[in-house]
Amino acid sequence: MNTDNMHFCQSCGMPLTDEVRGTNADGTKSEDYCIFCYKDGAFTGDFTMEQMAEYCSMFVDKYNENTGQHLTACEYKQVLLQFYPTLKRWREDDKSLPHANHPMKQIFINEVNALGISELQIDNLYVLTGSFINQPYTIEGNKVQLLDDNATYWGTQVQKKDGRCYGIACSDKYILVSEYGPDGVDAELIMLKKRS
């Protein structure tokens, strides 16, 4: 993969293309950050550099696919920790950076926690693309997908005691809660709640 003319998100290090650029407070596209890290003029998560590398190391398979390498998640994390100090977010004074204080994020967190679903309590949400989290569900015998692959959602995953996970996706119109096994298998729709 030729990276000579490639631009990278100055927070997570992913290749920065027009399709995945984050948004500034005025709605324009960010020149520095991807949509997963930066939305409406603020970072979507308050991470330390170490936490960012830990989170991004979960996507080692995608990195290996794009580069032809065969790194483990731990090896990829070390690569990221060497790369991150060259990026803007990790070079600049933390006080000068726009923090993850988007007002809708806390509203969504409160609404999810108020659903009263057993083992589902969250304290953070992340910006995720629909294509990344759009699980197929069987409804009345038909396989359907309920999210827009091209949209972004505030979401997260919560592991249950039985090993299955809750997946949460929030938009201005509704909150979706699903449950699934490892790698998203056997996804079931738990709740699709219209927001008032």
Protein backbone atom coordinates (compact mmCIF):
# COMPACT_ATOMS: atom_id res chain seq x y z
CA MET A 1 0.00 0.00 0.00
CA ASN A 2 1.52 3.30 -1.08
CA THR A 3 1.09 5.87 1.71
CA ASP A 4 3.25 8.67 0.27
CA ASN A 5 0.33 10.98 -0.58
CA MET A 6 -2.10 9.61 1.98
CA HIS A 7 -3.54 11.80 4.75
CA PHE A 8 -4.27 10.27 8.13
CA CYS A 9 -6.71 11.16 10.89
CA GLN A 10 -4.70 13.20 13.37
CA SER A 11 -6.33 11.33 16.25
CA CYS A 12 -6.61 7.60 15.42
CA GLY A 13 -4.31 7.40 12.38
CA MET A 14 -6.76 5.85 9.93
CA PRO A 15 -6.50 6.94 6.26
CA LEU A 16 -8.50 10.16 5.92
CA THR A 17 -10.69 10.21 2.82
CA ASP A 18 -13.55 12.59 2.02
CA GLU A 19 -16.08 9.87 2.90
CA VAL A 20 -14.86 9.55 6.49
CA ARG A 21 -13.94 13.13 7.36
CA GLY A 22 -15.35 14.41 10.66
CA THR A 23 -17.43 17.57 10.94
CA ASN A 24 -16.61 20.97 12.40
CA ALA A 25 -19.05 22.92 14.57
CA ASP A 26 -20.33 24.76 11.47
CA GLY A 27 -20.99 21.48 9.62
CA THR A 28 -17.99 21.72 7.29
CA LYS A 29 -15.68 18.74 6.86
CA SER A 30 -12.63 18.52 9.10
CA GLU A 31 -9.23 18.64 7.43
CA ASP A 32 -7.62 16.77 10.34
CA TYR A 33 -9.96 14.21 11.87
CA CYS A 34 -12.24 11.31 10.89
CA ILE A 35 -15.94 11.03 11.77
CA PHE A 36 -15.19 8.30 14.33
CA CYS A 37 -12.98 10.70 16.31
CA TYR A 38 -14.53 14.10 15.63
CA LYS A 39 -18.13 15.24 15.17
CA ASP A 40 -19.72 18.71 15.33
CA GLY A 41 -16.48 20.36 16.40
CA ALA A 42 -15.56 18.07 19.30
CA PHE A 43 -13.84 14.75 19.84
CA THR A 44 -16.30 11.89 20.23
CA GLY A 45 -14.35 10.26 23.06
CA ASP A 46 -12.00 11.46 25.78
CA PHE A 47 -9.10 9.04 25.39
CA THR A 48 -5.52 9.00 26.48
CA MET A 49 -3.09 8.00 23.73
CA GLU A 50 -2.76 4.56 25.35
CA GLN A 51 -6.56 4.10 25.44
CA MET A 52 -6.85 5.16 21.78
CA ALA A 53 -4.21 2.60 20.78
CA GLU A 54 -5.97 -0.10 22.82
CA TYR A 55 -9.32 0.71 21.17
CA CYS A 56 -7.90 0.86 17.63
CA SER A 57 -5.94 -2.38 18.09
CA MET A 58 -9.33 -4.18 17.92
CA PHE A 59 -9.28 -3.41 14.18
CA VAL A 60 -5.98 -5.21 13.54
CA ASP A 61 -7.63 -7.55 11.00
CA LYS A 62 -8.56 -4.59 8.78
CA TYR A 63 -5.00 -3.22 9.10
CA ASN A 64 -3.53 -6.61 8.18
CA GLU A 65 -5.89 -6.90 5.21
CA ASN A 66 -4.86 -3.48 3.89
CA THR A 67 -1.13 -3.87 4.48
CA GLY A 68 -0.52 -7.59 3.90
CA GLN A 69 0.93 -7.92 7.40
CA HIS A 70 0.03 -10.49 10.06
CA LEU A 71 0.22 -8.55 13.31
CA THR A 72 -1.50 -9.54 16.53
CA ALA A 73 -3.61 -6.94 18.35
CA CYS A 74 -0.76 -6.44 20.86
CA GLU A 75 1.80 -5.91 18.09
CA TYR A 76 -0.52 -3.48 16.29
CA LYS A 77 -1.01 -1.53 19.51
CA GLN A 78 2.76 -1.06 19.76
CA VAL A 79 2.89 0.16 16.14
CA LEU A 80 0.16 2.69 16.95
CA LEU A 81 1.93 3.89 20.10
CA GLN A 82 5.03 4.63 18.00
CA PHE A 83 2.96 6.41 15.32
CA TYR A 84 0.60 8.45 17.52
CA PRO A 85 3.16 10.94 18.90
CA THR A 86 3.49 12.28 15.33
CA LEU A 87 -0.25 13.10 15.16
CA LYS A 88 -1.75 16.51 15.99
CA ARG A 89 -4.08 15.32 18.77
CA TRP A 90 -1.23 13.79 20.74
CA ARG A 91 1.33 16.56 20.06
CA GLU A 92 -0.81 19.48 21.22
CA ASP A 93 -1.62 20.64 24.72
CA ASP A 94 -4.71 18.79 25.91
CA LYS A 95 -6.31 22.05 27.12
CA SER A 96 -6.30 23.47 23.58
CA LEU A 97 -8.18 20.53 22.05
CA PRO A 98 -11.98 20.29 21.61
CA HIS A 99 -13.22 17.71 24.10
CA ALA A 100 -15.97 15.15 23.71
CA ASN A 101 -18.72 17.32 25.08
CA HIS A 102 -21.34 17.08 22.35
CA PRO A 103 -24.65 17.73 24.17
CA MET A 104 -26.52 14.93 22.39
CA LYS A 105 -24.11 12.27 23.63
CA GLN A 106 -25.12 12.69 27.28
CA ILE A 107 -28.80 12.86 26.32
CA PHE A 108 -28.48 9.52 24.48
CA ILE A 109 -26.58 7.97 27.42
CA ASN A 110 -29.37 9.02 29.80
CA GLU A 111 -32.07 7.68 27.46
CA VAL A 112 -30.34 4.31 27.03
CA ASN A 113 -29.85 3.93 30.79
CA ALA A 114 -33.53 4.79 31.35
CA LEU A 115 -34.68 1.87 29.14
CA GLY A 116 -34.48 -0.49 32.14
CA ILE A 117 -32.87 -3.36 30.22
CA SER A 118 -31.08 -5.84 32.50
CA GLU A 119 -27.25 -5.49 32.44
CA LEU A 120 -27.45 -2.45 30.16
CA GLN A 121 -25.89 0.64 31.75
CA ILE A 122 -23.46 2.80 29.77
CA ASP A 123 -21.24 5.78 30.53
CA ASN A 124 -19.89 6.53 27.06
CA LEU A 125 -20.85 6.40 23.38
CA TYR A 126 -18.77 6.54 20.21
CA VAL A 127 -19.48 7.63 16.65
CA LEU A 128 -19.94 4.52 14.48
CA THR A 129 -20.87 4.16 10.82
CA GLY A 130 -24.02 2.29 9.91
CA SER A 131 -22.10 -0.11 7.66
CA PHE A 132 -19.97 -1.17 10.66
CA ILE A 133 -22.91 -1.97 12.96
CA ASN A 134 -25.81 -2.74 10.58
CA GLN A 135 -26.75 -6.27 11.69
CA PRO A 136 -29.38 -8.34 9.86
CA TYR A 137 -32.38 -9.33 12.01
CA THR A 138 -35.11 -11.88 11.31
CA ILE A 139 -38.49 -10.14 11.61
CA GLU A 140 -41.66 -12.06 10.66
CA GLY A 141 -39.52 -14.56 8.75
CA ASN A 142 -37.64 -11.91 6.73
CA LYS A 143 -34.02 -10.81 7.09
CA VAL A 144 -33.92 -7.01 7.45
CA GLN A 145 -31.33 -4.37 8.28
CA LEU A 146 -32.64 -1.34 10.13
CA LEU A 147 -29.74 1.11 9.95
CA ASP A 148 -28.47 3.25 7.07
CA ASP A 149 -25.02 2.05 5.98
CA ASN A 150 -24.06 5.60 5.01
CA ALA A 151 -25.21 7.30 8.23
CA THR A 152 -23.33 7.75 11.51
CA TYR A 153 -24.72 6.79 14.91
CA TRP A 154 -23.78 7.25 18.52
CA GLY A 155 -23.23 3.68 19.71
CA THR A 156 -21.36 1.19 21.83
CA GLN A 157 -21.22 -2.47 22.80
CA VAL A 158 -21.78 -3.89 26.30
CA GLN A 159 -20.76 -7.44 27.22
CA LYS A 160 -23.28 -9.43 29.24
CA LYS A 161 -22.47 -11.98 31.93
CA ASP A 162 -23.50 -14.84 29.61
CA GLY A 163 -20.90 -13.80 27.01
CA ARG A 164 -23.37 -12.26 24.57
CA CYS A 165 -23.30 -8.51 23.90
CA TYR A 166 -25.73 -5.64 23.67
CA GLY A 167 -25.23 -3.32 20.72
CA ILE A 168 -26.61 0.21 20.93
CA ALA A 169 -27.17 2.65 18.05
CA CYS A 170 -28.72 6.08 18.64
CA SER A 171 -29.88 8.65 16.11
CA ASP A 172 -32.05 11.74 16.38
CA LYS A 173 -35.09 9.59 15.45
CA TYR A 174 -34.68 6.36 17.44
CA ILE A 175 -32.63 4.15 19.76
CA LEU A 176 -31.89 0.58 18.66
CA VAL A 177 -30.75 -2.12 21.10
CA SER A 178 -29.73 -5.53 19.82
CA GLU A 179 -28.15 -8.62 21.33
CA TYR A 180 -25.66 -10.92 19.63
CA GLY A 181 -22.94 -13.49 20.15
CA PRO A 182 -19.21 -13.25 19.37
CA ASP A 183 -18.46 -11.45 16.08
CA GLY A 184 -22.11 -10.37 15.79
CA VAL A 185 -23.57 -13.85 15.19
CA ASP A 186 -27.22 -14.65 15.99
CA ALA A 187 -28.23 -10.99 16.25
CA GLU A 188 -31.64 -10.35 17.83
CA LEU A 189 -33.51 -7.06 17.95
CA ILE A 190 -34.27 -6.23 21.59
CA MET A 191 -35.79 -2.77 21.20
CA LEU A 192 -36.34 -0.10 18.57
CA LYS A 193 -37.64 2.96 20.43
CA LYS A 194 -38.79 6.09 18.67
CA ARG A 195 -37.39 9.20 20.29
CA SER A 196 -39.86 11.95 21.19
